[in-house]
Amino acid sequence: MPATSDAAPPKSADSLGTAALTALFAVLLSACNPLALAMPSMRAAQVVVYAGCLLFSLSVNSSVLRDRLLHAPRNWARFPVRSLLEWALWLAAVSAAQSCVLSTPGGACIAALGACAICCAGDELTRLAERVRLVRSSRTFDGIAPTFFDDGSPLAPAGTRLVPMSEVATHNAPNDCWMVLDGAVLDVTAWAAKHPGGALIITSLGGRDVSDQYKAFHGTAMGARLRALCVGRVDPSTVEPPSAAQREFRALRESLRARGVFSFPLSRTLRPAILPILTMAAAVWCVRAASAAGPHAPAPALALLGGALCGAAWQQMSLFGHDLGHGNVTGSWAHDMAIGIALIPFFGIGLSWWKASHNTHHVVTNSETHDPDIQHMPVFAVAPRMLRGFYSHYHRRAFAFDAAAQALLARQHWLYYPIMAVAKVNLWIQTHIYLAAQWHRTPTPYLETAAMLTHYAAIGCALHALPTAGARVVFVFAALACAGVLHVQITLSHFPMATHEGVAYDGVDRSWWHMQLSGTIDVDCAPCMDWFHGGLQYQTVHHLFPRLPRFALRAVSAEVDAAARASGLVYHKDSFAKINRRVLRVLRETAALCAAAPLGAGPGAPQLWDALNARG
């Protein structure tokens, strides 16, 4: 059949055109580079390096870079801001790599390889902006923000069949998952894999009433997507009546909502970001001062101070990232996700990994088999039952009590603080393991990868600026140790508390409210220390009402205490020092049982390797 005039050009011609534009692009960049202008003899080598690295990047992600090279006029016309940002980032990376990193064509190599990440990040920014636009215009589910808007019609229309709760309970498998929401029976089997918070949150609650859990994260509004999943109405005569605790806390939730406590004034929600920014600026000043001092006396002290300030900034910015991850800054999941990705270079934690892990932790708090935040064998075990070994439904593998676990767990109370001091390294590892394993399920993989690379580049620039190897070592360990305060704060809230097997929520006395109050403890501190804890001092309140903004936690904690007393439950609270001692006591008691515990079969890989969850 003869080719038409609008047929696509042959691939060979397209490749030649791409190669020619790449060469021209490399020549222009080399000619515009300040270092090349100062050293013309390097220009030819730089052209070769730029061209080679760009062609290599094309092979990694040809569609994005070829779009930039072959359709430059169209991109500048349609996306001027994005194009300007990409060019600015590219030229800045080239200049920084050559002048600060290697001052040779090798520096150009580093900058050229960043082209792929920069362009892919630009694409994802465009997609994210489009999702935000859809949320604001159509107010429908957009793939990021798990928010459903009420159109006034009931979730389970009249006339749908009545389903006994006993039948709902039988649909509790990943391939057959039903749940009850405000009296409507939903078949969420197909939806689970699309859930932005992760499939495990859906499948682990199969066969149960999830009204309290849903409203804690999503509010009371319902939408067409939920209604499409409805298969009937639960038979009221088969539903256990709510307990006094359920009635008390549900009334508290509705009271908070009616009073507008779940609101997000930016003048207050953005305020916590100021301190870490100023702290990081002070850390940069210390690094610059140490660099100016050279290998003289003030340099190690300035490196120590700069590292400590950098770690403190990481800790505080991570607390602000926690607010963003819950959508508690602007009130919009999409907007907070965009802000969080922009701040990843400051705190160095992948938001997609954090949300997948943290959302699961919220729903199955302190479950030995489901909660990833207490599954740390062979390094830590917070309950004697864990010494028998267990299967993690989050990691989808077995944790065994073997010889390595026995040796480490017998000393876990001594290892607690040293491991917390370097725990940030594991966050870096987990971020990239998650991105590699869940690349196609992550909303913005290229953007998060580029942000993490920027984080590492900033650390590299700081280390390069320090005058001696000793100063660099001091800076790194000071930064990690101060950032480790965050990990102590996270584990304090749950390590010393009651644990359970499975998911619970299997009765009125094991409800959402019961499980959160029994598995979490708050820090009783003065208001002047709220900045330091960043909301983590009120983890019980936060677990009961995850969409509550940080500034409202202290006031609501008094109401939670009153509701717990009225319903016969215990709201656990203690000082920071006493909770630390409780954690060490729990670890010591479990460690004492290790010698007598029988060794189990290993899961098929060294436990130290598994401790990093390095299999994804």
Foldseek 3Di string as FASTA:
>chain_A
DDDDPPDDDDPVVLVVLLLVLQLVVQLVLLVPQPLCVVPVVQSVVSSVLLSVLLVVLCVVPVVQVSCCRVVVVVCCVVPVPLVVVLVVQLSVQLNCQLPQPPVHSVSVNVSSNCSNLSRLLSVLVVVLVVLVVCCVPVVPDRLFFPEAAAPPADLADPPFDADELVVQQVQQALQRFWEAAPQFIFTCNVVLPSDLLHNCLRNLQGSYHCHLVCCLQHNDGHHDVSSVRTRGGYDVVRDDDFALLVVLLVVVVVVCVVVVLLAADLVPLVVLLPVLVVLLVQLVVLLLVLLVVFPDDCNLVSLLSSLLSLLLSLQSVVLSLLCLLSCQHHVTVSVSVVVSLVCCLSNVFQSSLCSNLVVQCLQQPQACAERPLQPQPLQFHLDLVCQCWYHHPSLRFIHFNAPVSLVRLLCNLVCVLVCLLQVVVLRNLSRVLCCVVCVVSGSRSSSNVSSNVSSVVVLVSSLSSRNDPSSNVSSNSSSSRSNSVNVVLVCLFASLFDHHHRRFCPDSCRHQLNVLQRRTAAADDDPVCCSVSSQSNQSSQCSSRVSRRSVCRVVCVVVVCVSCVVSVHDRHYYHPVVSSVSNSVSSNVSSVCSVVRDGDDHRPDDRVCCSSSSND
